[in-house]
Amino acid sequence: MTPEIVAQSRSLAHVGHIQPAYHERRVSNQTPTMWAKRAIDATHVQRKLGDLMTPQALQVVLAVYEQHGITMQGIEKRTRLALGSVSRNLMSLGEWHRLGKPGLGLVETVDDPTERRRKIAFLTKKGREFVEEYLSALTGETIIIDSPTSRDFLSKTYSANIRR
């Protein structure tokens, strides 16, 4: 708070007035109002994808962005969603929705080469573009994501295990 606001707050408190609950503080040269505007802009990016991009689906996309090749159990732990919700959201974020409708095409799931019962998730090109746009709107800066494709990741990470 600026010295004038502090002085005014003290004088109002002294007179018996209640201090306002809202005070704008600067965090890294950004006010809460600016952050709110950016959050609204990011929400518009999210809403462009329609009804399938729920808050839970957004959590799943961001968890996949955070860790390339994350397992469904890893997403469950990171997002605190039930495994059934993670599975359902991965389906709607993939190529095909569980009801046979087209999905959003943001995430690709593949079988883990070391444990065939386990699925691992990656962002598609469209998914990387969405996360870039979303995070750019949220931060006010241009974000460029350089993440490996599922094929590149798997060939580098599991090449020794696959050859055996």
Protein backbone atom coordinates (compact mmCIF):
# COMPACT_ATOMS: atom_id res chain seq x y z
CA MET A 1 0.00 0.00 0.00
CA THR A 2 1.15 3.50 -0.66
CA PRO A 3 1.83 5.75 2.35
CA GLU A 4 -1.28 7.79 1.51
CA ILE A 5 -3.53 4.71 1.59
CA VAL A 6 -1.95 3.50 4.83
CA ALA A 7 -2.45 6.91 6.41
CA GLN A 8 -6.04 7.07 5.14
CA SER A 9 -6.75 3.53 6.42
CA ARG A 10 -5.37 4.40 9.83
CA SER A 11 -7.42 7.58 10.02
CA LEU A 12 -10.60 5.74 8.97
CA ALA A 13 -9.91 2.95 11.46
CA HIS A 14 -9.36 5.55 14.16
CA VAL A 15 -12.73 7.14 13.36
CA GLY A 16 -14.41 3.75 13.57
CA HIS A 17 -14.93 3.01 9.87
CA ILE A 18 -14.35 -0.50 8.63
CA GLN A 19 -11.35 -0.92 6.39
CA PRO A 20 -12.17 -2.04 2.85
CA ALA A 21 -11.42 -5.71 2.21
CA TYR A 22 -9.89 -5.08 -1.21
CA HIS A 23 -6.42 -3.62 -1.53
CA GLU A 24 -4.45 -3.75 -4.76
CA ARG A 25 -0.93 -4.94 -4.14
CA ARG A 26 1.66 -5.25 -6.84
CA VAL A 27 3.09 -8.68 -7.48
CA SER A 28 5.98 -8.58 -9.93
CA ASN A 29 4.82 -5.20 -11.28
CA GLN A 30 1.30 -6.56 -11.92
CA THR A 31 -1.83 -5.57 -10.04
CA PRO A 32 -4.58 -8.05 -9.13
CA THR A 33 -6.80 -6.26 -11.67
CA MET A 34 -4.30 -7.02 -14.42
CA TRP A 35 -4.12 -10.67 -13.32
CA ALA A 36 -7.92 -10.86 -13.33
CA LYS A 37 -7.99 -9.51 -16.89
CA ARG A 38 -5.46 -12.12 -17.93
CA ALA A 39 -7.46 -14.88 -16.21
CA ILE A 40 -10.53 -13.76 -18.17
CA ASP A 41 -8.50 -13.79 -21.41
CA ALA A 42 -7.26 -17.31 -20.59
CA THR A 43 -10.85 -18.40 -19.92
CA HIS A 44 -11.82 -17.17 -23.41
CA VAL A 45 -9.06 -19.35 -24.87
CA GLN A 46 -10.45 -22.32 -22.92
CA ARG A 47 -14.05 -21.64 -23.99
CA LYS A 48 -13.14 -21.57 -27.70
CA LEU A 49 -12.92 -25.36 -27.55
CA GLY A 50 -16.52 -25.74 -26.43
CA ASP A 51 -18.24 -27.87 -23.83
CA LEU A 52 -15.63 -30.64 -23.79
CA MET A 53 -13.02 -28.28 -22.31
CA THR A 54 -14.21 -28.45 -18.71
CA PRO A 55 -12.11 -27.24 -15.76
CA GLN A 56 -11.11 -30.87 -15.12
CA ALA A 57 -10.08 -31.31 -18.76
CA LEU A 58 -7.97 -28.17 -18.49
CA GLN A 59 -6.27 -29.62 -15.40
CA VAL A 60 -5.49 -32.80 -17.31
CA VAL A 61 -4.06 -30.91 -20.32
CA LEU A 62 -1.85 -28.81 -18.04
CA ALA A 63 -0.66 -31.91 -16.15
CA VAL A 64 0.32 -33.53 -19.46
CA TYR A 65 2.11 -30.31 -20.42
CA GLU A 66 3.98 -30.32 -17.09
CA GLN A 67 5.29 -33.85 -17.55
CA HIS A 68 5.68 -35.41 -20.99
CA GLY A 69 4.82 -39.08 -20.88
CA ILE A 70 2.85 -38.84 -17.65
CA THR A 71 0.84 -41.90 -16.65
CA MET A 72 -2.85 -41.82 -15.82
CA GLN A 73 -1.91 -42.45 -12.18
CA GLY A 74 0.47 -39.49 -12.36
CA ILE A 75 -2.33 -37.29 -13.69
CA GLU A 76 -4.61 -38.59 -10.93
CA LYS A 77 -2.05 -37.65 -8.28
CA ARG A 78 -1.20 -34.25 -9.83
CA THR A 79 -4.79 -33.10 -10.42
CA ARG A 80 -6.44 -34.86 -7.45
CA LEU A 81 -9.12 -36.20 -9.80
CA ALA A 82 -10.44 -39.75 -9.55
CA LEU A 83 -8.87 -42.21 -11.98
CA GLY A 84 -12.24 -42.61 -13.73
CA SER A 85 -12.40 -38.84 -14.30
CA VAL A 86 -8.84 -38.83 -15.62
CA SER A 87 -9.73 -41.62 -18.06
CA ARG A 88 -12.92 -39.88 -19.20
CA ASN A 89 -11.12 -36.56 -19.68
CA LEU A 90 -8.25 -38.16 -21.59
CA MET A 91 -10.83 -39.71 -23.94
CA SER A 92 -12.52 -36.35 -24.60
CA LEU A 93 -9.14 -34.65 -25.01
CA GLY A 94 -8.01 -37.36 -27.43
CA GLU A 95 -9.03 -38.08 -30.99
CA TRP A 96 -12.39 -39.65 -30.09
CA HIS A 97 -14.77 -38.95 -27.22
CA ARG A 98 -16.07 -41.96 -25.30
CA LEU A 99 -19.53 -41.51 -26.87
CA GLY A 100 -18.12 -41.96 -30.37
CA LYS A 101 -18.03 -38.23 -31.06
CA PRO A 102 -14.88 -36.46 -32.21
CA GLY A 103 -12.67 -35.40 -29.30
CA LEU A 104 -10.61 -32.24 -28.98
CA GLY A 105 -7.40 -33.81 -30.30
CA LEU A 106 -5.18 -32.14 -27.68
CA VAL A 107 -3.75 -35.24 -26.01
CA GLU A 108 -2.48 -38.56 -27.33
CA THR A 109 -2.30 -41.64 -25.13
CA VAL A 110 -0.12 -44.62 -25.98
CA ASP A 111 0.68 -47.92 -24.33
CA ASP A 112 3.72 -47.78 -22.07
CA PRO A 113 6.33 -50.04 -23.71
CA THR A 114 7.51 -51.31 -20.32
CA GLU A 115 4.03 -51.99 -18.90
CA ARG A 116 1.40 -52.62 -21.59
CA ARG A 117 -1.50 -52.21 -19.14
CA ARG A 118 -0.40 -48.63 -18.42
CA LYS A 119 -1.15 -45.64 -20.67
CA ILE A 120 1.08 -42.59 -20.96
CA ALA A 121 -0.04 -39.22 -22.30
CA PHE A 122 1.50 -36.57 -24.53
CA LEU A 123 0.33 -33.29 -26.03
CA THR A 124 -0.40 -33.32 -29.73
CA LYS A 125 0.62 -30.42 -31.96
CA LYS A 126 -2.86 -28.95 -31.44
CA GLY A 127 -2.47 -29.50 -27.67
CA ARG A 128 0.86 -27.64 -27.61
CA GLU A 129 -0.71 -24.76 -29.55
CA PHE A 130 -3.63 -24.62 -27.09
CA VAL A 131 -1.34 -24.59 -24.03
CA GLU A 132 0.87 -21.92 -25.65
CA GLU A 133 -2.16 -19.70 -26.28
CA TYR A 134 -3.64 -20.36 -22.83
CA LEU A 135 -0.41 -19.67 -20.91
CA SER A 136 0.36 -16.64 -23.09
CA ALA A 137 -3.05 -15.18 -22.24
CA LEU A 138 -2.52 -15.97 -18.57
CA THR A 139 1.00 -14.52 -18.29
CA GLY A 140 0.82 -11.72 -20.84
CA GLU A 141 4.01 -13.06 -22.44
CA THR A 142 4.57 -15.16 -25.54
CA ILE A 143 5.00 -18.79 -24.53
CA ILE A 144 6.55 -21.28 -26.93
CA ILE A 145 6.47 -24.97 -26.04
CA ASP A 146 9.15 -27.24 -27.37
CA SER A 147 8.04 -30.67 -26.24
CA PRO A 148 8.81 -33.99 -27.89
CA THR A 149 6.21 -35.93 -29.81
CA SER A 150 5.18 -39.26 -28.32
CA ARG A 151 7.30 -41.11 -30.90
CA ASP A 152 10.43 -39.00 -30.14
CA PHE A 153 9.95 -39.35 -26.39
CA LEU A 154 9.41 -43.09 -26.53
CA SER A 155 12.35 -43.74 -28.83
CA LYS A 156 14.73 -41.76 -26.58
CA THR A 157 13.39 -42.91 -23.23
CA TYR A 158 12.63 -46.54 -23.89
CA SER A 159 15.00 -47.43 -26.74
CA ALA A 160 17.13 -49.70 -24.54
CA ASN A 161 14.06 -51.50 -23.18
CA ILE A 162 12.39 -51.84 -26.57
CA ARG A 163 15.46 -53.41 -28.23
CA ARG A 164 15.74 -56.20 -25.63
